[in-house]
Amino acid sequence: MKCPRCQHENAASLKFCGECGAHLASVCSACGASNAPAQKFCGECGAPLTQPPAEKFPSPQAYTPRHLAEKILTSRGALEGERKQVTVLFCDLANSTALAERLASGYRDRTVG
């Protein structure tokens, strides 16, 4: 079990942290009951004891310096570029590999002679 105070990894059987001496029991945020460290749900009220996972990716405001964010926002037009409409054609031919091999072999025969 990881100590909530110092983040030291302790054996699941311990009641107190071996590094800082903090109490390792999980306290239910809903009812305040003390639970064993390995429990996922409160034994008194059934509320989940585990915290929801933190955001996987922090927001850009958390790590972008203010002066850089302002510079990006003022030159937004130059960064966006331009939009153009394009047409894309996709063609899937049955047995196209065999057809390509035949065409390639015929091309080689003509170029050799």
PDB file of N, CA and C in Angstrom:
ATOM      1  N   MET A   1       0.848  -1.183   0.000  1.00  0.00           N
ATOM      2  CA  MET A   1       0.000   0.000   0.000  1.00  0.00           C
ATOM      3  C   MET A   1       0.888   1.239   0.000  1.00  0.00           C
ATOM      4  N   LYS A   2       0.532   2.206  -0.786  1.00  0.00           N
ATOM      5  CA  LYS A   2       1.290   3.456  -0.863  1.00  0.00           C
ATOM      6  C   LYS A   2       0.778   4.412   0.207  1.00  0.00           C
ATOM      7  N   CYS A   3       1.695   4.978   0.963  1.00  0.00           N
ATOM      8  CA  CYS A   3       1.347   5.918   2.028  1.00  0.00           C
ATOM      9  C   CYS A   3       0.780   7.196   1.422  1.00  0.00           C
ATOM     10  N   PRO A   4      -0.375   7.671   1.918  1.00  0.00           N
ATOM     11  CA  PRO A   4      -0.947   8.897   1.362  1.00  0.00           C
ATOM     12  C   PRO A   4      -0.137  10.144   1.712  1.00  0.00           C
ATOM     13  N   ARG A   5       0.671  10.075   2.768  1.00  0.00           N
ATOM     14  CA  ARG A   5       1.441  11.238   3.190  1.00  0.00           C
ATOM     15  C   ARG A   5       2.777  11.339   2.453  1.00  0.00           C
ATOM     16  N   CYS A   6       3.584  10.243   2.450  1.00  0.00           N
ATOM     17  CA  CYS A   6       4.944  10.327   1.881  1.00  0.00           C
ATOM     18  C   CYS A   6       5.132   9.492   0.615  1.00  0.00           C
ATOM     19  N   GLN A   7       4.103   8.770   0.181  1.00  0.00           N
ATOM     20  CA  GLN A   7       4.113   7.946  -1.035  1.00  0.00           C
ATOM     21  C   GLN A   7       5.054   6.747  -0.939  1.00  0.00           C
ATOM     22  N   HIS A   8       5.481   6.386   0.276  1.00  0.00           N
ATOM     23  CA  HIS A   8       6.349   5.208   0.473  1.00  0.00           C
ATOM     24  C   HIS A   8       5.523   3.943   0.270  1.00  0.00           C
ATOM     25  N   GLU A   9       6.079   2.957  -0.412  1.00  0.00           N
ATOM     26  CA  GLU A   9       5.384   1.688  -0.650  1.00  0.00           C
ATOM     27  C   GLU A   9       5.558   0.791   0.578  1.00  0.00           C
ATOM     28  N   ASN A  10       4.443   0.343   1.166  1.00  0.00           N
ATOM     29  CA  ASN A  10       4.436  -0.494   2.358  1.00  0.00           C
ATOM     30  C   ASN A  10       3.763  -1.822   2.057  1.00  0.00           C
ATOM     31  N   ALA A  11       4.043  -2.832   2.887  1.00  0.00           N
ATOM     32  CA  ALA A  11       3.374  -4.129   2.765  1.00  0.00           C
ATOM     33  C   ALA A  11       1.894  -3.953   3.103  1.00  0.00           C
ATOM     34  N   ALA A  12       1.026  -4.748   2.480  1.00  0.00           N
ATOM     35  CA  ALA A  12      -0.416  -4.626   2.687  1.00  0.00           C
ATOM     36  C   ALA A  12      -0.822  -4.949   4.118  1.00  0.00           C
ATOM     37  N   SER A  13      -0.016  -5.713   4.849  1.00  0.00           N
ATOM     38  CA  SER A  13      -0.373  -6.110   6.211  1.00  0.00           C
ATOM     39  C   SER A  13      -0.110  -5.015   7.242  1.00  0.00           C
ATOM     40  N   LEU A  14       0.638  -3.975   6.906  1.00  0.00           N
ATOM     41  CA  LEU A  14       0.976  -2.917   7.860  1.00  0.00           C
ATOM     42  C   LEU A  14      -0.191  -1.967   8.092  1.00  0.00           C
ATOM     43  N   LYS A  15      -0.276  -1.450   9.327  1.00  0.00           N
ATOM     44  CA  LYS A  15      -1.305  -0.471   9.671  1.00  0.00           C
ATOM     45  C   LYS A  15      -0.755   0.945   9.668  1.00  0.00           C
ATOM     46  N   PHE A  16       0.585   1.073   9.801  1.00  0.00           N
ATOM     47  CA  PHE A  16       1.233   2.377   9.812  1.00  0.00           C
ATOM     48  C   PHE A  16       2.395   2.371   8.828  1.00  0.00           C
ATOM     49  N   CYS A  17       2.681   3.510   8.226  1.00  0.00           N
ATOM     50  CA  CYS A  17       3.766   3.644   7.255  1.00  0.00           C
ATOM     51  C   CYS A  17       5.114   3.412   7.922  1.00  0.00           C
ATOM     52  N   GLY A  18       5.948   2.603   7.308  1.00  0.00           N
ATOM     53  CA  GLY A  18       7.270   2.331   7.819  1.00  0.00           C
ATOM     54  C   GLY A  18       8.224   3.491   7.627  1.00  0.00           C
ATOM     55  N   GLU A  19       7.893   4.454   6.816  1.00  0.00           N
ATOM     56  CA  GLU A  19       8.755   5.612   6.538  1.00  0.00           C
ATOM     57  C   GLU A  19       8.399   6.822   7.398  1.00  0.00           C
ATOM     58  N   CYS A  20       7.105   7.182   7.452  1.00  0.00           N
ATOM     59  CA  CYS A  20       6.725   8.399   8.179  1.00  0.00           C
ATOM     60  C   CYS A  20       5.812   8.145   9.366  1.00  0.00           C
ATOM     61  N   GLY A  21       5.312   6.910   9.532  1.00  0.00           N
ATOM     62  CA  GLY A  21       4.462   6.581  10.666  1.00  0.00           C
ATOM     63  C   GLY A  21       3.004   6.948  10.506  1.00  0.00           C
ATOM     64  N   ALA A  22       2.594   7.374   9.320  1.00  0.00           N
ATOM     65  CA  ALA A  22       1.193   7.746   9.102  1.00  0.00           C
ATOM     66  C   ALA A  22       0.298   6.513   9.134  1.00  0.00           C
ATOM     67  N   HIS A  23      -0.961   6.707   9.565  1.00  0.00           N
ATOM     68  CA  HIS A  23      -1.952   5.640   9.615  1.00  0.00           C
ATOM     69  C   HIS A  23      -2.311   5.244   8.177  1.00  0.00           C
ATOM     70  N   LEU A  24      -2.262   3.950   7.851  1.00  0.00           N
ATOM     71  CA  LEU A  24      -2.472   3.496   6.475  1.00  0.00           C
ATOM     72  C   LEU A  24      -3.908   3.084   6.168  1.00  0.00           C
ATOM     73  N   ALA A  25      -4.794   3.075   7.140  1.00  0.00           N
ATOM     74  CA  ALA A  25      -6.171   2.662   6.873  1.00  0.00           C
ATOM     75  C   ALA A  25      -6.848   3.664   5.945  1.00  0.00           C
ATOM     76  N   SER A  26      -7.695   3.159   5.071  1.00  0.00           N
ATOM     77  CA  SER A  26      -8.457   4.023   4.178  1.00  0.00           C
ATOM     78  C   SER A  26      -9.668   4.549   4.928  1.00  0.00           C
ATOM     79  N   VAL A  27      -9.875   5.835   4.910  1.00  0.00           N
ATOM     80  CA  VAL A  27     -11.025   6.445   5.566  1.00  0.00           C
ATOM     81  C   VAL A  27     -12.056   6.773   4.497  1.00  0.00           C
ATOM     82  N   CYS A  28     -13.268   6.332   4.720  1.00  0.00           N
ATOM     83  CA  CYS A  28     -14.349   6.562   3.759  1.00  0.00           C
ATOM     84  C   CYS A  28     -14.722   8.036   3.757  1.00  0.00           C
ATOM     85  N   SER A  29     -14.776   8.632   2.579  1.00  0.00           N
ATOM     86  CA  SER A  29     -15.133  10.048   2.474  1.00  0.00           C
ATOM     87  C   SER A  29     -16.628  10.270   2.679  1.00  0.00           C
ATOM     88  N   ALA A  30     -17.435   9.214   2.502  1.00  0.00           N
ATOM     89  CA  ALA A  30     -18.880   9.354   2.658  1.00  0.00           C
ATOM     90  C   ALA A  30     -19.321   9.266   4.110  1.00  0.00           C
ATOM     91  N   CYS A  31     -18.787   8.274   4.866  1.00  0.00           N
ATOM     92  CA  CYS A  31     -19.257   8.079   6.240  1.00  0.00           C
ATOM     93  C   CYS A  31     -18.165   8.212   7.289  1.00  0.00           C
ATOM     94  N   GLY A  32     -16.886   8.278   6.892  1.00  0.00           N
ATOM     95  CA  GLY A  32     -15.786   8.449   7.831  1.00  0.00           C
ATOM     96  C   GLY A  32     -15.301   7.173   8.487  1.00  0.00           C
ATOM     97  N   ALA A  33     -15.827   6.022   8.077  1.00  0.00           N
ATOM     98  CA  ALA A  33     -15.425   4.749   8.676  1.00  0.00           C
ATOM     99  C   ALA A  33     -14.013   4.383   8.249  1.00  0.00           C
ATOM    100  N   SER A  34     -13.290   3.690   9.140  1.00  0.00           N
ATOM    101  CA  SER A  34     -11.939   3.237   8.855  1.00  0.00           C
ATOM    102  C   SER A  34     -12.014   1.858   8.208  1.00  0.00           C
ATOM    103  N   ASN A  35     -11.250   1.663   7.132  1.00  0.00           N
ATOM    104  CA  ASN A  35     -11.270   0.409   6.389  1.00  0.00           C
ATOM    105  C   ASN A  35      -9.846  -0.104   6.206  1.00  0.00           C
ATOM    106  N   ALA A  36      -9.715  -1.399   5.946  1.00  0.00           N
ATOM    107  CA  ALA A  36      -8.408  -2.003   5.688  1.00  0.00           C
ATOM    108  C   ALA A  36      -7.826  -1.402   4.414  1.00  0.00           C
ATOM    109  N   PRO A  37      -6.485  -1.327   4.316  1.00  0.00           N
ATOM    110  CA  PRO A  37      -5.864  -0.691   3.145  1.00  0.00           C
ATOM    111  C   PRO A  37      -6.221  -1.330   1.808  1.00  0.00           C
ATOM    112  N   ALA A  38      -6.453  -2.651   1.776  1.00  0.00           N
ATOM    113  CA  ALA A  38      -6.689  -3.323   0.505  1.00  0.00           C
ATOM    114  C   ALA A  38      -8.128  -3.229   0.022  1.00  0.00           C
ATOM    115  N   GLN A  39      -9.061  -2.755   0.862  1.00  0.00           N
ATOM    116  CA  GLN A  39     -10.466  -2.693   0.474  1.00  0.00           C
ATOM    117  C   GLN A  39     -10.695  -1.628  -0.585  1.00  0.00           C
ATOM    118  N   LYS A  40     -11.601  -1.950  -1.525  1.00  0.00           N
ATOM    119  CA  LYS A  40     -11.948  -1.004  -2.580  1.00  0.00           C
ATOM    120  C   LYS A  40     -13.234  -0.263  -2.265  1.00  0.00           C
ATOM    121  N   PHE A  41     -14.070  -0.859  -1.388  1.00  0.00           N
ATOM    122  CA  PHE A  41     -15.337  -0.256  -1.011  1.00  0.00           C
ATOM    123  C   PHE A  41     -15.459  -0.240   0.506  1.00  0.00           C
ATOM    124  N   CYS A  42     -16.157   0.739   1.034  1.00  0.00           N
ATOM    125  CA  CYS A  42     -16.329   0.891   2.477  1.00  0.00           C
ATOM    126  C   CYS A  42     -17.149  -0.253   3.042  1.00  0.00           C
ATOM    127  N   GLY A  43     -16.690  -0.819   4.174  1.00  0.00           N
ATOM    128  CA  GLY A  43     -17.412  -1.898   4.823  1.00  0.00           C
ATOM    129  C   GLY A  43     -18.665  -1.429   5.533  1.00  0.00           C
ATOM    130  N   GLU A  44     -18.809  -0.134   5.796  1.00  0.00           N
ATOM    131  CA  GLU A  44     -19.974   0.417   6.486  1.00  0.00           C
ATOM    132  C   GLU A  44     -21.080   0.850   5.532  1.00  0.00           C
ATOM    133  N   CYS A  45     -20.717   1.640   4.527  1.00  0.00           N
ATOM    134  CA  CYS A  45     -21.756   2.206   3.650  1.00  0.00           C
ATOM    135  C   CYS A  45     -21.669   1.743   2.199  1.00  0.00           C
ATOM    136  N   GLY A  46     -20.576   1.070   1.799  1.00  0.00           N
ATOM    137  CA  GLY A  46     -20.444   0.559   0.434  1.00  0.00           C
ATOM    138  C   GLY A  46     -19.922   1.562  -0.573  1.00  0.00           C
ATOM    139  N   ALA A  47     -19.559   2.752  -0.125  1.00  0.00           N
ATOM    140  CA  ALA A  47     -19.048   3.774  -1.049  1.00  0.00           C
ATOM    141  C   ALA A  47     -17.663   3.369  -1.551  1.00  0.00           C
ATOM    142  N   PRO A  48     -17.293   3.730  -2.779  1.00  0.00           N
ATOM    143  CA  PRO A  48     -15.953   3.396  -3.285  1.00  0.00           C
ATOM    144  C   PRO A  48     -14.875   4.146  -2.507  1.00  0.00           C
ATOM    145  N   LEU A  49     -13.789   3.427  -2.159  1.00  0.00           N
ATOM    146  CA  LEU A  49     -12.683   4.025  -1.415  1.00  0.00           C
ATOM    147  C   LEU A  49     -11.576   4.526  -2.316  1.00  0.00           C
ATOM    148  N   THR A  50     -11.546   4.047  -3.555  1.00  0.00           N
ATOM    149  CA  THR A  50     -10.493   4.464  -4.478  1.00  0.00           C
ATOM    150  C   THR A  50     -10.882   5.784  -5.115  1.00  0.00           C
ATOM    151  N   GLN A  51      -9.890   6.615  -5.329  1.00  0.00           N
ATOM    152  CA  GLN A  51     -10.099   7.898  -5.977  1.00  0.00           C
ATOM    153  C   GLN A  51     -10.189   7.676  -7.479  1.00  0.00           C
ATOM    154  N   PRO A  52     -10.998   8.454  -8.200  1.00  0.00           N
ATOM    155  CA  PRO A  52     -11.020   8.321  -9.656  1.00  0.00           C
ATOM    156  C   PRO A  52      -9.653   8.685 -10.215  1.00  0.00           C
ATOM    157  N   PRO A  53      -9.244   8.033 -11.315  1.00  0.00           N
ATOM    158  CA  PRO A  53      -7.922   8.338 -11.871  1.00  0.00           C
ATOM    159  C   PRO A  53      -7.825   9.796 -12.297  1.00  0.00           C
ATOM    160  N   ALA A  54      -6.638  10.352 -12.102  1.00  0.00           N
ATOM    161  CA  ALA A  54      -6.400  11.739 -12.503  1.00  0.00           C
ATOM    162  C   ALA A  54      -6.462  11.852 -14.019  1.00  0.00           C
ATOM    163  N   GLU A  55      -6.634  13.065 -14.501  1.00  0.00           N
ATOM    164  CA  GLU A  55      -6.662  13.277 -15.942  1.00  0.00           C
ATOM    165  C   GLU A  55      -5.395  12.740 -16.572  1.00  0.00           C
ATOM    166  N   LYS A  56      -5.560  12.027 -17.663  1.00  0.00           N
ATOM    167  CA  LYS A  56      -4.399  11.454 -18.336  1.00  0.00           C
ATOM    168  C   LYS A  56      -3.532  12.550 -18.945  1.00  0.00           C
ATOM    169  N   PHE A  57      -4.177  13.523 -19.530  1.00  0.00           N
ATOM    170  CA  PHE A  57      -3.446  14.614 -20.154  1.00  0.00           C
ATOM    171  C   PHE A  57      -3.910  15.934 -19.536  1.00  0.00           C
ATOM    172  N   PRO A  58      -3.008  16.680 -18.934  1.00  0.00           N
ATOM    173  CA  PRO A  58      -3.413  17.961 -18.346  1.00  0.00           C
ATOM    174  C   PRO A  58      -3.795  18.958 -19.434  1.00  0.00           C
ATOM    175  N   SER A  59      -4.548  19.956 -19.050  1.00  0.00           N
ATOM    176  CA  SER A  59      -4.955  20.965 -20.025  1.00  0.00           C
ATOM    177  C   SER A  59      -3.732  21.787 -20.442  1.00  0.00           C
ATOM    178  N   PRO A  60      -3.733  22.334 -21.632  1.00  0.00           N
ATOM    179  CA  PRO A  60      -2.588  23.133 -22.091  1.00  0.00           C
ATOM    180  C   PRO A  60      -2.298  24.327 -21.179  1.00  0.00           C
ATOM    181  N   GLN A  61      -3.317  24.871 -20.503  1.00  0.00           N
ATOM    182  CA  GLN A  61      -3.100  26.000 -19.608  1.00  0.00           C
ATOM    183  C   GLN A  61      -2.198  25.608 -18.438  1.00  0.00           C
ATOM    184  N   ALA A  62      -2.160  24.314 -18.088  1.00  0.00           N
ATOM    185  CA  ALA A  62      -1.369  23.859 -16.944  1.00  0.00           C
ATOM    186  C   ALA A  62       0.129  23.925 -17.222  1.00  0.00           C
ATOM    187  N   TYR A  63       0.547  23.808 -18.464  1.00  0.00           N
ATOM    188  CA  TYR A  63       1.981  23.750 -18.748  1.00  0.00           C
ATOM    189  C   TYR A  63       2.472  24.785 -19.762  1.00  0.00           C
ATOM    190  N   THR A  64       1.600  25.602 -20.308  1.00  0.00           N
ATOM    191  CA  THR A  64       2.018  26.617 -21.273  1.00  0.00           C
ATOM    192  C   THR A  64       2.246  27.944 -20.550  1.00  0.00           C
ATOM    193  N   PRO A  65       3.445  28.511 -20.671  1.00  0.00           N
ATOM    194  CA  PRO A  65       3.697  29.813 -20.032  1.00  0.00           C
ATOM    195  C   PRO A  65       2.760  30.878 -20.592  1.00  0.00           C
ATOM    196  N   ARG A  66       2.378  31.813 -19.733  1.00  0.00           N
ATOM    197  CA  ARG A  66       1.410  32.846 -20.105  1.00  0.00           C
ATOM    198  C   ARG A  66       1.873  33.656 -21.319  1.00  0.00           C
ATOM    199  N   HIS A  67       3.152  34.056 -21.350  1.00  0.00           N
ATOM    200  CA  HIS A  67       3.633  34.884 -22.463  1.00  0.00           C
ATOM    201  C   HIS A  67       3.576  34.117 -23.786  1.00  0.00           C
ATOM    202  N   LEU A  68       3.826  32.808 -23.739  1.00  0.00           N
ATOM    203  CA  LEU A  68       3.773  32.007 -24.956  1.00  0.00           C
ATOM    204  C   LEU A  68       2.335  31.811 -25.421  1.00  0.00           C
ATOM    205  N   ALA A  69       1.422  31.607 -24.480  1.00  0.00           N
ATOM    206  CA  ALA A  69       0.004  31.456 -24.828  1.00  0.00           C
ATOM    207  C   ALA A  69      -0.523  32.728 -25.489  1.00  0.00           C
ATOM    208  N   GLU A  70      -0.137  33.883 -24.965  1.00  0.00           N
ATOM    209  CA  GLU A  70      -0.575  35.155 -25.551  1.00  0.00           C
ATOM    210  C   GLU A  70      -0.024  35.328 -26.960  1.00  0.00           C
ATOM    211  N   LYS A  71       1.226  34.941 -27.164  1.00  0.00           N
ATOM    212  CA  LYS A  71       1.845  35.053 -28.485  1.00  0.00           C
ATOM    213  C   LYS A  71       1.128  34.148 -29.495  1.00  0.00           C
ATOM    214  N   ILE A  72       0.791  32.961 -29.060  1.00  0.00           N
ATOM    215  CA  ILE A  72       0.081  32.028 -29.949  1.00  0.00           C
ATOM    216  C   ILE A  72      -1.302  32.568 -30.297  1.00  0.00           C
ATOM    217  N   LEU A  73      -2.006  33.083 -29.288  1.00  0.00           N
ATOM    218  CA  LEU A  73      -3.354  33.584 -29.532  1.00  0.00           C
ATOM    219  C   LEU A  73      -3.364  34.823 -30.415  1.00  0.00           C
ATOM    220  N   THR A  74      -2.348  35.694 -30.311  1.00  0.00           N
ATOM    221  CA  THR A  74      -2.325  36.892 -31.151  1.00  0.00           C
ATOM    222  C   THR A  74      -1.983  36.565 -32.605  1.00  0.00           C
ATOM    223  N   SER A  75      -1.236  35.490 -32.831  1.00  0.00           N
ATOM    224  CA  SER A  75      -0.881  35.131 -34.208  1.00  0.00           C
ATOM    225  C   SER A  75      -1.678  33.912 -34.685  1.00  0.00           C
ATOM    226  N   ARG A  76      -2.866  33.750 -34.162  1.00  0.00           N
ATOM    227  CA  ARG A  76      -3.694  32.588 -34.500  1.00  0.00           C
ATOM    228  C   ARG A  76      -3.975  32.495 -36.006  1.00  0.00           C
ATOM    229  N   GLY A  77      -4.233  33.617 -36.645  1.00  0.00           N
ATOM    230  CA  GLY A  77      -4.550  33.612 -38.072  1.00  0.00           C
ATOM    231  C   GLY A  77      -3.418  33.033 -38.910  1.00  0.00           C
ATOM    232  N   ALA A  78      -2.186  33.353 -38.554  1.00  0.00           N
ATOM    233  CA  ALA A  78      -1.037  32.850 -39.305  1.00  0.00           C
ATOM    234  C   ALA A  78      -0.827  31.364 -39.061  1.00  0.00           C
ATOM    235  N   LEU A  79      -1.210  30.885 -37.905  1.00  0.00           N
ATOM    236  CA  LEU A  79      -1.003  29.476 -37.575  1.00  0.00           C
ATOM    237  C   LEU A  79      -2.051  28.563 -38.206  1.00  0.00           C
ATOM    238  N   GLU A  80      -3.239  29.088 -38.444  1.00  0.00           N
ATOM    239  CA  GLU A  80      -4.319  28.250 -38.939  1.00  0.00           C
ATOM    240  C   GLU A  80      -4.142  27.852 -40.397  1.00  0.00           C
ATOM    241  N   GLY A  81      -3.470  28.635 -41.178  1.00  0.00           N
ATOM    242  CA  GLY A  81      -3.301  28.303 -42.585  1.00  0.00           C
ATOM    243  C   GLY A  81      -4.564  28.591 -43.360  1.00  0.00           C
ATOM    244  N   GLU A  82      -4.745  27.888 -44.469  1.00  0.00           N
ATOM    245  CA  GLU A  82      -5.936  28.100 -45.266  1.00  0.00           C
ATOM    246  C   GLU A  82      -6.626  26.769 -45.511  1.00  0.00           C
ATOM    247  N   ARG A  83      -7.898  26.841 -45.792  1.00  0.00           N
ATOM    248  CA  ARG A  83      -8.668  25.636 -46.056  1.00  0.00           C
ATOM    249  C   ARG A  83      -8.984  25.562 -47.546  1.00  0.00           C
ATOM    250  N   LYS A  84      -8.860  24.365 -48.085  1.00  0.00           N
ATOM    251  CA  LYS A  84      -9.197  24.149 -49.483  1.00  0.00           C
ATOM    252  C   LYS A  84     -10.047  22.902 -49.582  1.00  0.00           C
ATOM    253  N   GLN A  85     -10.976  22.922 -50.529  1.00  0.00           N
ATOM    254  CA  GLN A  85     -11.756  21.725 -50.785  1.00  0.00           C
ATOM    255  C   GLN A  85     -10.982  20.852 -51.752  1.00  0.00           C
ATOM    256  N   VAL A  86     -10.945  19.571 -51.468  1.00  0.00           N
ATOM    257  CA  VAL A  86     -10.276  18.629 -52.353  1.00  0.00           C
ATOM    258  C   VAL A  86     -11.216  17.470 -52.629  1.00  0.00           C
ATOM    259  N   THR A  87     -10.968  16.798 -53.737  1.00  0.00           N
ATOM    260  CA  THR A  87     -11.709  15.597 -54.083  1.00  0.00           C
ATOM    261  C   THR A  87     -10.742  14.444 -54.053  1.00  0.00           C
ATOM    262  N   VAL A  88     -11.125  13.382 -53.370  1.00  0.00           N
ATOM    263  CA  VAL A  88     -10.271  12.209 -53.237  1.00  0.00           C
ATOM    264  C   VAL A  88     -10.970  11.052 -53.919  1.00  0.00           C
ATOM    265  N   LEU A  89     -10.230  10.367 -54.763  1.00  0.00           N
ATOM    266  CA  LEU A  89     -10.762   9.210 -55.456  1.00  0.00           C
ATOM    267  C   LEU A  89     -10.066   7.967 -54.932  1.00  0.00           C
ATOM    268  N   PHE A  90     -10.850   7.022 -54.487  1.00  0.00           N
ATOM    269  CA  PHE A  90     -10.309   5.757 -54.010  1.00  0.00           C
ATOM    270  C   PHE A  90     -10.874   4.664 -54.892  1.00  0.00           C
ATOM    271  N   CYS A  91      -9.992   3.806 -55.359  1.00  0.00           N
ATOM    272  CA  CYS A  91     -10.424   2.745 -56.255  1.00  0.00           C
ATOM    273  C   CYS A  91      -9.851   1.426 -55.753  1.00  0.00           C
ATOM    274  N   ASP A  92     -10.688   0.447 -55.571  1.00  0.00           N
ATOM    275  CA  ASP A  92     -10.265  -0.867 -55.115  1.00  0.00           C
ATOM    276  C   ASP A  92     -10.608  -1.862 -56.218  1.00  0.00           C
ATOM    277  N   LEU A  93      -9.596  -2.372 -56.894  1.00  0.00           N
ATOM    278  CA  LEU A  93      -9.807  -3.303 -57.994  1.00  0.00           C
ATOM    279  C   LEU A  93      -9.664  -4.730 -57.504  1.00  0.00           C
ATOM    280  N   ALA A  94     -10.577  -5.599 -57.942  1.00  0.00           N
ATOM    281  CA  ALA A  94     -10.470  -7.014 -57.596  1.00  0.00           C
ATOM    282  C   ALA A  94      -9.284  -7.608 -58.351  1.00  0.00           C
ATOM    283  N   ASN A  95      -8.486  -8.411 -57.694  1.00  0.00           N
ATOM    284  CA  ASN A  95      -7.316  -9.076 -58.278  1.00  0.00           C
ATOM    285  C   ASN A  95      -6.311  -8.072 -58.837  1.00  0.00           C
ATOM    286  N   SER A  96      -6.158  -6.947 -58.186  1.00  0.00           N
ATOM    287  CA  SER A  96      -5.273  -5.913 -58.704  1.00  0.00           C
ATOM    288  C   SER A  96      -3.804  -6.331 -58.635  1.00  0.00           C
ATOM    289  N   THR A  97      -3.438  -7.192 -57.691  1.00  0.00           N
ATOM    290  CA  THR A  97      -2.044  -7.631 -57.596  1.00  0.00           C
ATOM    291  C   THR A  97      -1.648  -8.437 -58.826  1.00  0.00           C
ATOM    292  N   ALA A  98      -2.489  -9.368 -59.214  1.00  0.00           N
ATOM    293  CA  ALA A  98      -2.201 -10.181 -60.401  1.00  0.00           C
ATOM    294  C   ALA A  98      -2.162  -9.306 -61.655  1.00  0.00           C
ATOM    295  N   LEU A  99      -3.072  -8.342 -61.737  1.00  0.00           N
ATOM    296  CA  LEU A  99      -3.105  -7.438 -62.888  1.00  0.00           C
ATOM    297  C   LEU A  99      -1.820  -6.610 -62.958  1.00  0.00           C
ATOM    298  N   ALA A 100      -1.363  -6.121 -61.817  1.00  0.00           N
ATOM    299  CA  ALA A 100      -0.139  -5.328 -61.792  1.00  0.00           C
ATOM    300  C   ALA A 100       1.072  -6.173 -62.175  1.00  0.00           C
ATOM    301  N   GLU A 101       1.097  -7.435 -61.748  1.00  0.00           N
ATOM    302  CA  GLU A 101       2.211  -8.315 -62.106  1.00  0.00           C
ATOM    303  C   GLU A 101       2.239  -8.566 -63.620  1.00  0.00           C
ATOM    304  N   ARG A 102       1.078  -8.764 -64.197  1.00  0.00           N
ATOM    305  CA  ARG A 102       1.021  -8.976 -65.656  1.00  0.00           C
ATOM    306  C   ARG A 102       1.485  -7.735 -66.402  1.00  0.00           C
ATOM    307  N   LEU A 103       1.030  -6.582 -65.970  1.00  0.00           N
ATOM    308  CA  LEU A 103       1.423  -5.347 -66.639  1.00  0.00           C
ATOM    309  C   LEU A 103       2.919  -5.103 -66.486  1.00  0.00           C
ATOM    310  N   ALA A 104       3.466  -5.377 -65.306  1.00  0.00           N
ATOM    311  CA  ALA A 104       4.889  -5.164 -65.069  1.00  0.00           C
ATOM    312  C   ALA A 104       5.725  -6.119 -65.900  1.00  0.00           C
ATOM    313  N   SER A 105       5.298  -7.388 -66.029  1.00  0.00           N
ATOM    314  CA  SER A 105       6.084  -8.352 -66.816  1.00  0.00           C
ATOM    315  C   SER A 105       6.047  -7.991 -68.295  1.00  0.00           C
ATOM    316  N   GLY A 106       4.906  -7.506 -68.799  1.00  0.00           N
ATOM    317  CA  GLY A 106       4.828  -7.085 -70.189  1.00  0.00           C
ATOM    318  C   GLY A 106       5.699  -5.871 -70.461  1.00  0.00           C
ATOM    319  N   TYR A 107       5.776  -4.980 -69.513  1.00  0.00           N
ATOM    320  CA  TYR A 107       6.619  -3.803 -69.649  1.00  0.00           C
ATOM    321  C   TYR A 107       8.092  -4.202 -69.681  1.00  0.00           C
ATOM    322  N   ARG A 108       8.498  -5.164 -68.815  1.00  0.00           N
ATOM    323  CA  ARG A 108       9.886  -5.613 -68.795  1.00  0.00           C
ATOM    324  C   ARG A 108      10.252  -6.284 -70.111  1.00  0.00           C
ATOM    325  N   ASP A 109       9.323  -7.091 -70.685  1.00  0.00           N
ATOM    326  CA  ASP A 109       9.618  -7.800 -71.941  1.00  0.00           C
ATOM    327  C   ASP A 109       9.871  -6.787 -73.058  1.00  0.00           C
ATOM    328  N   ARG A 110       9.156  -5.686 -73.100  1.00  0.00           N
ATOM    329  CA  ARG A 110       9.326  -4.700 -74.154  1.00  0.00           C
ATOM    330  C   ARG A 110      10.613  -3.900 -73.997  1.00  0.00           C
ATOM    331  N   THR A 111      11.020  -3.649 -72.762  1.00  0.00           N
ATOM    332  CA  THR A 111      12.204  -2.812 -72.564  1.00  0.00           C
ATOM    333  C   THR A 111      13.494  -3.574 -72.755  1.00  0.00           C
ATOM    334  N   VAL A 112      13.466  -4.915 -72.595  1.00  0.00           N
ATOM    335  CA  VAL A 112      14.685  -5.710 -72.725  1.00  0.00           C
ATOM    336  C   VAL A 112      15.099  -5.807 -74.187  1.00  0.00           C
ATOM    337  N   GLY A 113      14.147  -6.051 -75.057  1.00  0.00           N
ATOM    338  CA  GLY A 113      14.443  -6.337 -76.438  1.00  0.00           C
ATOM    339  C   GLY A 113      14.602  -5.157 -77.237  1.00  0.00           C
TER     340      GLY A 113
END
